């Protein structure tokens, strides 16, 4: 039999557009001779719809679209597609099985995730049991073991997969919307292989692809044979229709694929690029703008934006002050030239002087501090927002995860924007991704001086960033991503005073992050929807 995996990019709330795409892929699968076609979890509504799910009309319209898909699907193909089901006032994250223009079965999700970015128990009701769906394929009775996303991650003795197999399933079909994080693709491969091998059953896994708000779905759909061999891997970060042929009787695949190591830099770069593209285009924008300082962070955001949208759709503004170094100005200009992007220079000297004059009387006799420095960042934010408003660009904020963690960013200044593409990228990883990009292109697109000069915000004379990022960047990751305690950090050799200082900075900067633009999640723990910390927090232990 032939199983098609339709790895598609959907948009939350675009019910008709999502359904039109589903119908297109179903018919393409039929044309390729597929007996069964899988589409992702919540295909019709898009994932994650969040509190939109409380809108009763939205749920009704999604069911209407399911019936339109049913009517527009060929009779001789079986469709497994995710939708949202309502019964007696309860919502279920479900998958419909369509055959012969009829809905022959509906399967409800059993395992509802409530960790990190997920809070499905807020919306859905879980069920404790599902049974295989009976269909006819090539005049043979087949039982489809349909499951939904998190059901696959159940590895208990009486797992969802093993229960379906015990009830006679001939193959497992998982429809999923599993967000990307670094390292997760290998974990999925191992899990699919394990389920297939332990239960001696073919396993097909269809994952969503595309960006939605803060998360990116990578696709990378899979298939495994009864021996646990991975026999198919769909491309990552792009839509794809794949057809896999397998002999259920002989349980022997046509071929198996060679697994390769997943490059975390390549995956991170591609995830952020897709996240930028989908966030901007799905939000109704066509172009982006950013401040290009000549530093490493804005350089990385510039190349990601250009790769996502094309150079003709990215504008960059250099906004030097009296404190800007010559190399920063020339590095920004050279990068823009290398990327062939729209670039202009606007000095902030005049507005900065005007602010100082306006405030001179009230600040008389007081020492200069970060107040005068941050005025420059806020002037730059105003200029960028003016261009955003006038020309319809979405402003990209350029702060990285390490600096955002420490509060080393200016509210309403460099934090201004509609999207923060690298807010889940540590300072160390920023350098690594820049080096990766130059290697990818085979030339020095990002000037070498950007990667070798000492980091500085250049808001005062001879100013440099007050952190040793070789120490602080991994320390922040240990705290935020890995959740290590102070005792564990001291065991790893970190200085106690440094740990106490960084913990305090992270805690006291929560109010800044609450007002930051949404970022693109690529690690197991990012700032944003998956990390909910109180703004007022007097707990002083880590």
Protein backbone atom coordinates (compact mmCIF):
# COMPACT_ATOMS: atom_id res chain seq x y z
CA UNK A 1 0.00 0.00 0.00
CA UNK A 2 1.02 3.62 -0.51
CA UNK A 3 0.84 6.18 2.30
CA UNK A 4 1.18 9.87 1.50
CA UNK A 5 2.42 12.39 4.04
CA UNK A 6 1.20 15.93 3.32
CA UNK A 7 3.54 18.13 5.34
CA UNK A 8 1.87 21.52 4.94
CA UNK A 9 2.11 25.05 6.36
CA UNK A 10 -1.19 26.27 7.81
CA UNK A 11 -2.25 29.55 9.40
CA UNK A 12 -4.32 29.87 12.57
CA UNK A 13 -7.81 31.13 11.75
CA UNK A 14 -7.46 30.80 7.97
CA UNK A 15 -10.04 28.02 7.84
CA UNK A 16 -10.87 28.27 4.14
CA UNK A 17 -7.27 28.73 3.01
CA UNK A 18 -6.09 25.82 5.17
CA UNK A 19 -8.88 23.62 3.82
CA UNK A 20 -8.20 24.64 0.23
CA UNK A 21 -4.57 23.64 0.68
CA UNK A 22 -5.61 20.35 2.28
CA UNK A 23 -7.90 19.57 -0.67
CA UNK A 24 -5.09 20.40 -3.09
CA UNK A 25 -2.66 18.05 -1.35
CA UNK A 26 -5.25 15.29 -1.02
CA UNK A 27 -5.86 15.36 -4.75
CA UNK A 28 -2.14 15.46 -5.49
CA UNK A 29 -1.69 12.41 -3.26
CA UNK A 30 -4.46 10.63 -5.14
CA UNK A 31 -2.82 11.48 -8.46
CA UNK A 32 0.39 9.89 -7.15
CA UNK A 33 -1.46 6.66 -6.42
CA UNK A 34 -1.65 6.97 -2.63
CA UNK A 35 -4.12 4.80 -0.75
CA UNK A 36 -3.95 6.93 2.40
CA UNK A 37 -2.95 10.55 2.94
CA UNK A 38 -2.05 12.08 6.31
CA UNK A 39 -2.33 15.78 7.13
CA UNK A 40 -1.18 17.49 10.34
CA UNK A 41 -2.86 17.97 13.68
CA UNK A 42 -5.46 20.76 13.65
CA UNK A 43 -5.01 21.21 9.91
CA UNK A 44 -8.25 23.13 9.48
CA UNK A 45 -7.92 25.58 12.38
CA UNK A 46 -4.16 25.88 12.40
CA UNK A 47 -2.10 25.22 15.52
CA UNK A 48 -1.98 26.78 18.19
CA UNK A 49 -5.35 28.56 18.10
CA UNK A 50 -5.27 29.34 21.84
CA UNK A 51 -8.34 31.22 23.15
CA UNK A 52 -9.76 31.46 19.65
CA UNK A 53 -11.01 27.97 20.49
CA UNK A 54 -13.54 29.50 22.88
CA UNK A 55 -15.30 31.11 19.90
CA UNK A 56 -18.23 28.81 19.11
CA UNK A 57 -18.58 30.11 15.56
CA UNK A 58 -14.93 29.30 14.93
CA UNK A 59 -15.50 25.69 15.99
CA UNK A 60 -18.64 25.43 13.89
CA UNK A 61 -16.89 26.85 10.84
CA UNK A 62 -14.03 24.39 11.23
CA UNK A 63 -16.51 21.49 11.20
CA UNK A 64 -18.17 22.95 8.10
CA UNK A 65 -14.77 23.03 6.41
CA UNK A 66 -14.21 19.38 7.35
CA UNK A 67 -17.35 18.48 5.45
CA UNK A 68 -16.21 20.55 2.46
CA UNK A 69 -12.92 18.65 2.49
CA UNK A 70 -14.89 15.40 2.64
CA UNK A 71 -16.97 16.36 -0.40
CA UNK A 72 -13.92 17.43 -2.40
CA UNK A 73 -11.77 14.39 -1.69
CA UNK A 74 -11.56 11.54 -4.22
CA UNK A 75 -13.63 8.51 -3.27
CA UNK A 76 -10.75 6.09 -3.58
CA UNK A 77 -8.35 7.66 -1.11
CA UNK A 78 -8.44 7.59 2.68
CA UNK A 79 -7.83 10.94 4.34
CA UNK A 80 -6.65 11.37 7.94
CA UNK A 81 -6.86 15.04 8.93
CA UNK A 82 -6.77 17.03 12.16
CA UNK A 83 -9.70 19.23 13.21
CA UNK A 84 -11.43 20.44 16.39
CA UNK A 85 -14.51 18.52 17.48
CA UNK A 86 -17.26 19.70 19.83
CA UNK A 87 -19.70 17.49 21.69
CA UNK A 88 -21.95 18.44 24.61
CA UNK A 89 -20.02 21.63 25.24
CA UNK A 90 -16.63 19.92 25.34
CA UNK A 91 -13.84 20.34 22.79
CA UNK A 92 -11.68 17.51 21.50
CA UNK A 93 -8.45 17.70 19.54
CA UNK A 94 -9.45 15.13 16.94
CA UNK A 95 -8.58 13.50 13.65
CA UNK A 96 -11.19 12.52 11.09
CA UNK A 97 -10.84 9.52 8.80
CA UNK A 98 -12.55 10.05 5.45
CA UNK A 99 -13.22 7.34 2.86
CA UNK A 100 -15.62 7.32 -0.05
CA UNK A 101 -16.67 10.90 0.73
CA UNK A 102 -17.83 9.79 4.17
CA UNK A 103 -16.39 10.28 7.63
CA UNK A 104 -15.82 6.69 8.66
CA UNK A 105 -14.12 7.40 11.96
CA UNK A 106 -13.09 10.11 14.40
CA UNK A 107 -10.21 9.70 16.84
CA UNK A 108 -9.73 11.99 19.84
CA UNK A 109 -6.42 12.91 21.41
CA UNK A 110 -5.61 11.03 24.59
CA UNK A 111 -2.53 12.80 25.91
CA UNK A 112 -2.89 16.57 26.34
CA UNK A 113 0.43 18.40 26.91
CA UNK A 114 0.53 21.05 29.63
CA UNK A 115 4.22 21.97 29.65
CA UNK A 116 6.33 24.71 28.09
CA UNK A 117 4.30 26.36 25.27
CA UNK A 118 1.41 23.92 25.68
CA UNK A 119 -1.70 24.25 27.80
CA UNK A 120 -4.13 21.96 26.00
CA UNK A 121 -6.09 21.08 29.13
CA UNK A 122 -7.30 24.69 29.12
CA UNK A 123 -9.19 23.93 25.91
CA UNK A 124 -9.63 20.22 25.30
CA UNK A 125 -10.96 17.16 27.05
CA UNK A 126 -8.78 14.05 26.95
CA UNK A 127 -10.14 10.58 26.34
CA UNK A 128 -8.85 7.43 27.99
CA UNK A 129 -9.30 5.02 25.10
CA UNK A 130 -9.27 5.01 21.31
CA UNK A 131 -9.70 2.11 18.95
CA UNK A 132 -8.35 1.51 15.45
CA UNK A 133 -10.46 2.74 12.53
CA UNK A 134 -11.61 0.07 10.07
CA UNK A 135 -11.17 0.86 6.36
CA UNK A 136 -11.00 -1.00 3.06
CA UNK A 137 -7.79 -0.74 1.01
CA UNK A 138 -7.43 -2.72 -2.20
CA UNK A 139 -10.39 -4.90 -1.17
CA UNK A 140 -8.72 -5.75 2.13
CA UNK A 141 -9.89 -4.86 5.61
CA UNK A 142 -7.28 -2.72 7.33
CA UNK A 143 -7.25 -1.26 10.82
CA UNK A 144 -5.65 2.18 11.10
CA UNK A 145 -4.13 3.01 14.46
CA UNK A 146 -4.66 6.76 14.39
CA UNK A 147 -3.11 8.93 17.09
CA UNK A 148 -2.47 12.64 17.59
CA UNK A 149 0.90 14.25 18.35
CA UNK A 150 1.50 13.83 22.12
CA UNK A 151 -0.01 10.33 21.98
CA UNK A 152 3.24 9.25 20.30
CA UNK A 153 5.29 10.52 23.24
CA UNK A 154 3.54 8.12 25.61
CA UNK A 155 6.18 5.47 26.44
CA UNK A 156 4.43 3.79 29.36
CA UNK A 157 3.88 0.02 29.46
CA UNK A 158 0.32 0.48 28.23
CA UNK A 159 1.12 3.28 25.81
CA UNK A 160 -1.29 4.67 23.25
CA UNK A 161 0.72 2.94 20.52
CA UNK A 162 0.84 -0.47 22.22
CA UNK A 163 -2.87 -0.33 23.03
CA UNK A 164 -3.75 0.35 19.38
CA UNK A 165 -1.54 -2.56 18.33
CA UNK A 166 -3.18 -4.84 20.91
CA UNK A 167 -6.54 -3.89 19.42
CA UNK A 168 -5.42 -5.07 15.99
CA UNK A 169 -4.00 -1.98 14.28
CA UNK A 170 -2.13 -2.85 11.09
CA UNK A 171 -0.18 0.42 11.03
CA UNK A 172 0.16 3.53 13.16
CA UNK A 173 -0.68 6.95 11.70
CA UNK A 174 0.29 9.95 13.82
CA UNK A 175 -0.88 13.43 12.83
CA UNK A 176 1.17 16.03 14.64
CA UNK A 177 2.02 19.67 15.26
CA UNK A 178 5.35 19.35 17.04
CA UNK A 179 7.37 22.58 17.35
CA UNK A 180 11.06 22.66 16.54
CA UNK A 181 13.72 22.88 19.20
CA UNK A 182 17.40 22.12 18.75
CA UNK A 183 17.98 18.37 19.07
CA UNK A 184 14.32 17.39 18.86
CA UNK A 185 14.48 15.92 15.36
CA UNK A 186 16.80 13.12 16.50
CA UNK A 187 14.58 12.41 19.50
CA UNK A 188 11.56 12.00 17.22
CA UNK A 189 13.47 9.62 14.95
CA UNK A 190 14.43 7.47 17.92
CA UNK A 191 10.88 7.48 19.28
CA UNK A 192 9.23 6.52 15.97
CA UNK A 193 11.82 3.79 15.46
CA UNK A 194 11.32 2.48 18.99
CA UNK A 195 7.52 2.29 18.70
CA UNK A 196 7.74 0.56 15.33
CA UNK A 197 10.32 -1.98 16.44
CA UNK A 198 8.82 -2.75 19.86
CA UNK A 199 5.37 -3.29 18.37
CA UNK A 200 6.47 -4.78 15.02
CA UNK A 201 4.29 -2.31 13.15
CA UNK A 202 4.83 0.31 10.42
CA UNK A 203 4.70 3.83 11.84
CA UNK A 204 3.91 6.98 9.82
CA UNK A 205 4.36 10.40 11.37
CA UNK A 206 3.06 13.59 9.67
CA UNK A 207 4.25 16.86 11.21
CA UNK A 208 3.16 20.43 10.58
CA UNK A 209 5.59 22.88 9.02
CA UNK A 210 5.75 26.69 9.28
CA UNK A 211 5.84 29.51 11.79
CA UNK A 212 2.99 30.49 14.11
CA UNK A 213 3.54 33.31 16.59
CA UNK A 214 6.58 32.33 18.69
CA UNK A 215 6.94 28.71 17.55
CA UNK A 216 8.23 27.12 14.36
CA UNK A 217 7.15 23.69 13.16
CA UNK A 218 9.92 21.97 11.22
CA UNK A 219 8.02 19.22 9.43
CA UNK A 220 10.66 16.47 9.15
CA UNK A 221 7.89 13.87 8.91
CA UNK A 222 8.91 10.22 9.27
CA UNK A 223 8.08 6.64 8.44
CA UNK A 224 9.46 3.44 9.93
CA UNK A 225 9.06 -0.22 9.04
CA UNK A 226 8.24 -3.09 11.39
CA UNK A 227 11.91 -3.51 12.26
CA UNK A 228 12.19 0.08 13.38
CA UNK A 229 14.19 1.15 10.35
CA UNK A 230 13.51 4.74 9.30
CA UNK A 231 12.41 4.39 5.68
CA UNK A 232 11.47 8.01 5.01
CA UNK A 233 12.35 11.49 6.27
CA UNK A 234 10.60 14.51 4.78
CA UNK A 235 12.62 17.71 4.30
CA UNK A 236 12.80 20.15 7.18
CA UNK A 237 11.32 23.65 7.14
CA UNK A 238 9.45 23.32 3.84
CA UNK A 239 6.17 21.95 2.55
CA UNK A 240 6.37 18.53 0.96
CA UNK A 241 4.14 15.74 -0.30
CA UNK A 242 5.79 12.35 0.06
CA UNK A 243 4.44 8.93 -0.92
CA UNK A 244 5.87 5.86 0.83
CA UNK A 245 5.13 2.34 -0.32
CA UNK A 246 5.14 -0.53 2.15
CA UNK A 247 4.04 -4.16 2.01
CA UNK A 248 1.95 -4.91 5.09
CA UNK A 249 1.97 -8.63 4.46
CA UNK A 250 5.72 -9.04 3.98
CA UNK A 251 6.52 -6.16 6.31
CA UNK A 252 9.51 -5.29 4.13
CA UNK A 253 10.10 -1.75 2.89
CA UNK A 254 11.34 -0.79 -0.54
CA UNK A 255 14.39 0.85 1.05
CA UNK A 256 15.61 2.48 4.23
CA UNK A 257 17.23 5.87 4.54
CA UNK A 258 20.60 6.62 6.06
CA UNK A 259 20.25 8.77 9.14
CA UNK A 260 22.58 11.75 9.31
CA UNK A 261 23.59 14.03 12.14
CA UNK A 262 21.42 17.12 12.41
CA UNK A 263 23.54 20.29 12.40
CA UNK A 264 22.23 22.48 15.24
CA UNK A 265 23.50 25.66 13.58
CA UNK A 266 21.91 24.81 10.24
CA UNK A 267 18.65 23.86 11.93
CA UNK A 268 18.62 27.00 14.10
CA UNK A 269 19.32 29.26 11.14
CA UNK A 270 16.60 27.67 9.02
CA UNK A 271 14.09 27.70 11.87
CA UNK A 272 14.58 31.41 12.52
CA UNK A 273 14.49 32.19 8.80
CA UNK A 274 11.17 30.37 8.41
CA UNK A 275 9.87 31.98 11.61
CA UNK A 276 10.65 35.47 10.27
CA UNK A 277 9.08 34.77 6.90
CA UNK A 278 5.85 33.31 8.20
CA UNK A 279 5.43 35.80 11.04
CA UNK A 280 5.82 38.76 8.71
CA UNK A 281 3.78 37.45 5.78
CA UNK A 282 1.02 35.90 7.90
CA UNK A 283 0.76 39.17 9.85
CA UNK A 284 -0.02 41.03 6.65
CA UNK A 285 3.37 42.67 6.13
CA UNK A 286 5.59 42.27 3.09
CA UNK A 287 8.83 43.83 4.31
CA UNK A 288 10.99 44.42 7.37
CA UNK A 289 13.24 47.14 8.74
CA UNK A 290 15.99 47.03 11.36
CA UNK A 291 18.67 49.20 12.87
CA UNK A 292 22.07 48.13 11.56
CA UNK A 293 24.73 49.18 14.06
CA UNK A 294 27.73 47.33 12.68
CA UNK A 295 27.57 44.96 15.64
CA UNK A 296 27.21 41.20 15.58
CA UNK A 297 23.56 40.98 16.70
CA UNK A 298 22.10 43.32 14.10
CA UNK A 299 24.34 41.74 11.46
CA UNK A 300 22.85 38.31 12.16
CA UNK A 301 19.28 39.65 12.10
CA UNK A 302 20.03 41.38 8.78
CA UNK A 303 21.20 38.19 7.06
CA UNK A 304 18.30 36.18 8.48
CA UNK A 305 15.80 38.78 7.27
CA UNK A 306 17.34 38.93 3.80
CA UNK A 307 17.33 35.13 3.53
CA UNK A 308 13.70 35.05 4.69
CA UNK A 309 12.27 37.88 2.59
CA UNK A 310 14.79 38.75 -0.10
CA UNK A 311 17.05 41.84 -0.06
CA UNK A 312 14.48 43.97 -1.87
CA UNK A 313 12.11 43.54 1.09
CA UNK A 314 14.53 44.43 3.90
CA UNK A 315 15.54 47.97 4.84
CA UNK A 316 18.34 48.85 7.25
CA UNK A 317 19.16 52.15 8.92
CA UNK A 318 22.49 53.10 10.46
CA UNK A 319 21.99 55.76 13.14
CA UNK A 320 25.41 56.91 14.37
CA UNK A 321 26.03 59.30 17.23
CA UNK A 322 29.16 61.11 18.43
CA UNK A 323 30.08 57.87 20.22
CA UNK A 324 29.85 55.61 17.16
CA UNK A 325 33.18 54.27 15.99
CA UNK A 326 34.30 54.53 12.39
CA UNK A 327 34.51 50.75 12.11
CA UNK A 328 30.89 50.33 13.23
CA UNK A 329 29.70 52.73 10.53
CA UNK A 330 31.81 51.14 7.79
CA UNK A 331 30.94 47.58 8.90
CA UNK A 332 27.22 48.35 8.70
CA UNK A 333 27.59 49.89 5.26
CA UNK A 334 29.72 47.01 3.96
CA UNK A 335 27.29 44.36 5.21
CA UNK A 336 24.36 46.16 3.61
CA UNK A 337 26.30 46.34 0.35
CA UNK A 338 27.16 42.63 0.51
CA UNK A 339 23.50 41.78 1.11
CA UNK A 340 22.29 44.24 -1.57
CA UNK A 341 19.70 45.57 0.85
CA UNK A 342 18.08 48.98 1.12
CA UNK A 343 20.38 51.03 3.37
CA UNK A 344 20.55 54.60 4.63
CA UNK A 345 22.40 56.52 7.32
CA UNK A 346 20.65 58.98 9.64
CA UNK A 347 22.69 60.74 12.33
CA UNK A 348 20.99 61.04 15.74
CA UNK A 349 23.29 63.87 16.86
CA UNK A 350 20.72 66.65 16.45
CA UNK A 351 17.80 64.98 18.26
CA UNK A 352 20.17 63.78 20.99
CA UNK A 353 21.40 67.33 21.59
CA UNK A 354 17.81 68.56 21.61
CA UNK A 355 16.84 66.05 24.30
CA UNK A 356 19.82 67.01 26.43
CA UNK A 357 18.93 70.68 26.14
CA UNK A 358 15.29 70.02 27.05
CA UNK A 359 16.30 68.05 30.14
CA UNK A 360 19.28 70.18 31.16
CA UNK A 361 17.38 72.30 33.70
CA UNK A 362 15.75 69.32 35.44
CA UNK A 363 18.97 67.29 35.45
CA UNK A 364 21.20 70.16 36.54
CA UNK A 365 23.87 69.17 39.04
CA UNK A 366 23.33 65.45 38.55
CA UNK A 367 25.96 63.07 37.18
CA UNK A 368 25.40 61.60 33.76
CA UNK A 369 24.47 57.92 33.76
CA UNK A 370 22.49 55.43 31.69
CA UNK A 371 19.69 57.99 31.41
CA UNK A 372 21.61 60.02 28.84
CA UNK A 373 22.87 56.84 27.19
CA UNK A 374 19.43 55.33 26.80
CA UNK A 375 18.09 58.48 25.18
CA UNK A 376 20.13 57.51 22.14
CA UNK A 377 18.59 54.04 21.96
CA UNK A 378 15.10 55.53 22.27
CA UNK A 379 15.78 58.08 19.54
CA UNK A 380 16.84 55.23 17.28
CA UNK A 381 13.69 53.32 18.18
CA UNK A 382 11.56 56.33 17.27
CA UNK A 383 13.28 56.73 13.90
CA UNK A 384 12.84 53.07 13.07
CA UNK A 385 9.17 53.12 14.09
CA UNK A 386 8.65 56.19 11.90
CA UNK A 387 9.97 54.26 8.90
CA UNK A 388 7.84 51.28 9.94
CA UNK A 389 4.70 53.42 10.02
CA UNK A 390 5.43 55.38 6.86
CA UNK A 391 6.49 52.51 4.61
CA UNK A 392 4.61 49.58 6.17
CA UNK A 393 7.70 47.64 7.31
CA UNK A 394 7.65 45.39 10.35
CA UNK A 395 10.41 46.45 12.73
CA UNK A 396 12.77 43.69 13.81
CA UNK A 397 14.36 44.00 17.24
CA UNK A 398 17.96 42.77 17.33
CA UNK A 399 18.58 41.74 20.95
CA UNK A 400 19.91 38.28 21.81
CA UNK A 401 18.85 35.92 24.59
CA UNK A 402 21.80 36.56 26.88
CA UNK A 403 21.30 40.32 26.91
CA UNK A 404 17.54 40.00 27.21
CA UNK A 405 18.02 37.71 30.20
CA UNK A 406 20.26 40.24 31.93
CA UNK A 407 18.10 43.22 31.12
CA UNK A 408 20.94 44.68 29.04
CA UNK A 409 18.49 46.31 26.67
CA UNK A 410 16.58 49.60 26.55
CA UNK A 411 12.82 49.59 26.82
CA UNK A 412 11.24 51.61 24.00
CA UNK A 413 14.68 51.78 22.41
CA UNK A 414 16.51 48.76 20.99
CA UNK A 415 13.68 46.60 22.37
CA UNK A 416 11.17 48.34 20.10
CA UNK A 417 9.77 46.17 17.34
CA UNK A 418 7.16 43.73 16.18
CA UNK A 419 9.39 40.63 16.28
CA UNK A 420 12.64 39.72 18.05
CA UNK A 421 14.12 37.02 15.78
CA UNK A 422 17.19 36.13 17.88
CA UNK A 423 15.74 36.50 21.38
CA UNK A 424 16.25 32.75 21.88
CA UNK A 425 19.84 32.81 20.57
CA UNK A 426 22.61 33.19 23.15
CA UNK A 427 25.46 35.65 22.58
CA UNK A 428 27.84 32.76 21.93
CA UNK A 429 25.46 31.25 19.39
CA UNK A 430 25.12 34.62 17.63
CA UNK A 431 28.81 34.46 16.74
CA UNK A 432 28.52 30.81 15.72
CA UNK A 433 25.57 31.52 13.42
CA UNK A 434 27.40 34.42 11.79
CA UNK A 435 30.41 32.20 11.13
CA UNK A 436 28.08 29.47 9.84
CA UNK A 437 26.50 31.94 7.39
CA UNK A 438 29.84 33.06 5.97
CA UNK A 439 30.88 29.43 5.56
CA UNK A 440 27.54 28.62 3.92
CA UNK A 441 28.00 31.40 1.40
CA UNK A 442 31.68 30.63 0.85
CA UNK A 443 32.66 34.27 1.32
CA UNK A 444 32.87 36.99 3.94
CA UNK A 445 29.35 38.43 3.75
CA UNK A 446 29.48 39.49 7.39
CA UNK A 447 32.73 41.47 7.73
CA UNK A 448 35.36 39.71 9.83
CA UNK A 449 35.77 42.83 11.97
CA UNK A 450 32.15 42.42 13.14
CA UNK A 451 33.11 39.05 14.63
CA UNK A 452 36.42 40.06 16.17
CA UNK A 453 35.81 43.47 17.74
CA UNK A 454 34.92 43.86 21.39
CA UNK A 455 31.13 44.15 21.92
CA UNK A 456 29.92 47.67 22.70
CA UNK A 457 26.62 49.54 22.72
CA UNK A 458 28.62 52.72 21.93
CA UNK A 459 26.41 54.95 24.04
CA UNK A 460 29.31 56.73 25.76
CA UNK A 461 33.05 57.21 25.33
CA UNK A 462 35.15 54.02 25.45
CA UNK A 463 32.12 51.99 26.52
CA UNK A 464 32.16 48.19 26.27
CA UNK A 465 29.67 45.55 27.32
CA UNK A 466 30.12 44.82 31.05
CA UNK A 467 30.08 41.04 30.71
CA UNK A 468 32.53 38.30 29.84
CA UNK A 469 30.22 36.52 27.42
CA UNK A 470 32.40 33.42 27.30
CA UNK A 471 31.37 32.89 30.93
CA UNK A 472 28.00 34.61 31.13
CA UNK A 473 26.41 33.29 27.93
CA UNK A 474 26.64 29.58 28.91
CA UNK A 475 25.74 30.48 32.51
CA UNK A 476 22.49 32.09 31.37
CA UNK A 477 21.70 28.97 29.31
CA UNK A 478 22.36 26.74 32.31
CA UNK A 479 19.89 28.81 34.32
CA UNK A 480 17.15 29.34 31.75
CA UNK A 481 17.32 26.31 29.45
CA UNK A 482 18.67 23.63 31.77
CA UNK A 483 17.16 24.99 35.01
CA UNK A 484 20.22 24.33 37.14
CA UNK A 485 20.22 25.38 40.79
CA UNK A 486 22.88 27.51 42.44
CA UNK A 487 24.36 24.41 44.08
CA UNK A 488 24.61 22.63 40.74
CA UNK A 489 26.24 25.66 39.13
CA UNK A 490 28.82 25.86 41.90
CA UNK A 491 29.56 22.17 41.39
CA UNK A 492 30.23 22.95 37.72
CA UNK A 493 32.81 25.52 38.77
CA UNK A 494 30.96 28.82 38.45
CA UNK A 495 31.91 31.63 40.84
CA UNK A 496 29.32 32.14 43.57
CA UNK A 497 29.27 35.94 43.31
CA UNK A 498 28.83 35.73 39.56
CA UNK A 499 25.96 33.27 39.91
CA UNK A 500 24.23 35.47 42.50
CA UNK A 501 24.62 38.55 40.31
CA UNK A 502 23.27 36.87 37.17
CA UNK A 503 20.33 35.30 39.01
CA UNK A 504 19.43 38.71 40.41
CA UNK A 505 19.69 40.41 37.01
CA UNK A 506 17.46 37.79 35.40
CA UNK A 507 14.82 38.07 38.11
CA UNK A 508 14.83 41.87 38.18
CA UNK A 509 14.50 42.15 34.40
CA UNK A 510 11.27 40.21 34.12
CA UNK A 511 9.23 43.41 33.67
CA UNK A 512 11.31 44.30 30.61
CA UNK A 513 10.81 40.93 28.96
CA UNK A 514 7.06 41.09 29.55
CA UNK A 515 7.02 44.14 27.25
CA UNK A 516 9.44 42.75 24.65
CA UNK A 517 8.32 41.75 21.15
CA UNK A 518 7.57 38.07 20.59
CA UNK A 519 10.63 36.00 19.74
CA UNK A 520 11.21 32.81 17.79
CA UNK A 521 11.65 29.75 19.99
CA UNK A 522 14.48 27.37 19.08
CA UNK A 523 15.58 26.02 22.48
CA UNK A 524 13.82 23.88 25.05
CA UNK A 525 13.13 26.97 27.16
CA UNK A 526 12.72 30.40 25.61
CA UNK A 527 11.43 33.67 27.01
CA UNK A 528 7.80 34.13 26.05
CA UNK A 529 4.72 31.93 26.06
CA UNK A 530 6.56 28.89 27.47
CA UNK A 531 8.07 30.65 30.48
CA UNK A 532 5.63 32.26 32.89
CA UNK A 533 7.35 34.04 35.77
CA UNK A 534 5.80 36.61 38.11
CA UNK A 535 6.75 40.25 37.61
CA UNK A 536 6.83 40.85 41.38
CA UNK A 537 8.96 38.10 42.87
CA UNK A 538 10.60 38.26 46.31
CA UNK A 539 11.83 34.67 46.38
CA UNK A 540 15.61 34.95 46.76
CA UNK A 541 16.73 31.35 46.30
CA UNK A 542 17.56 29.71 43.02
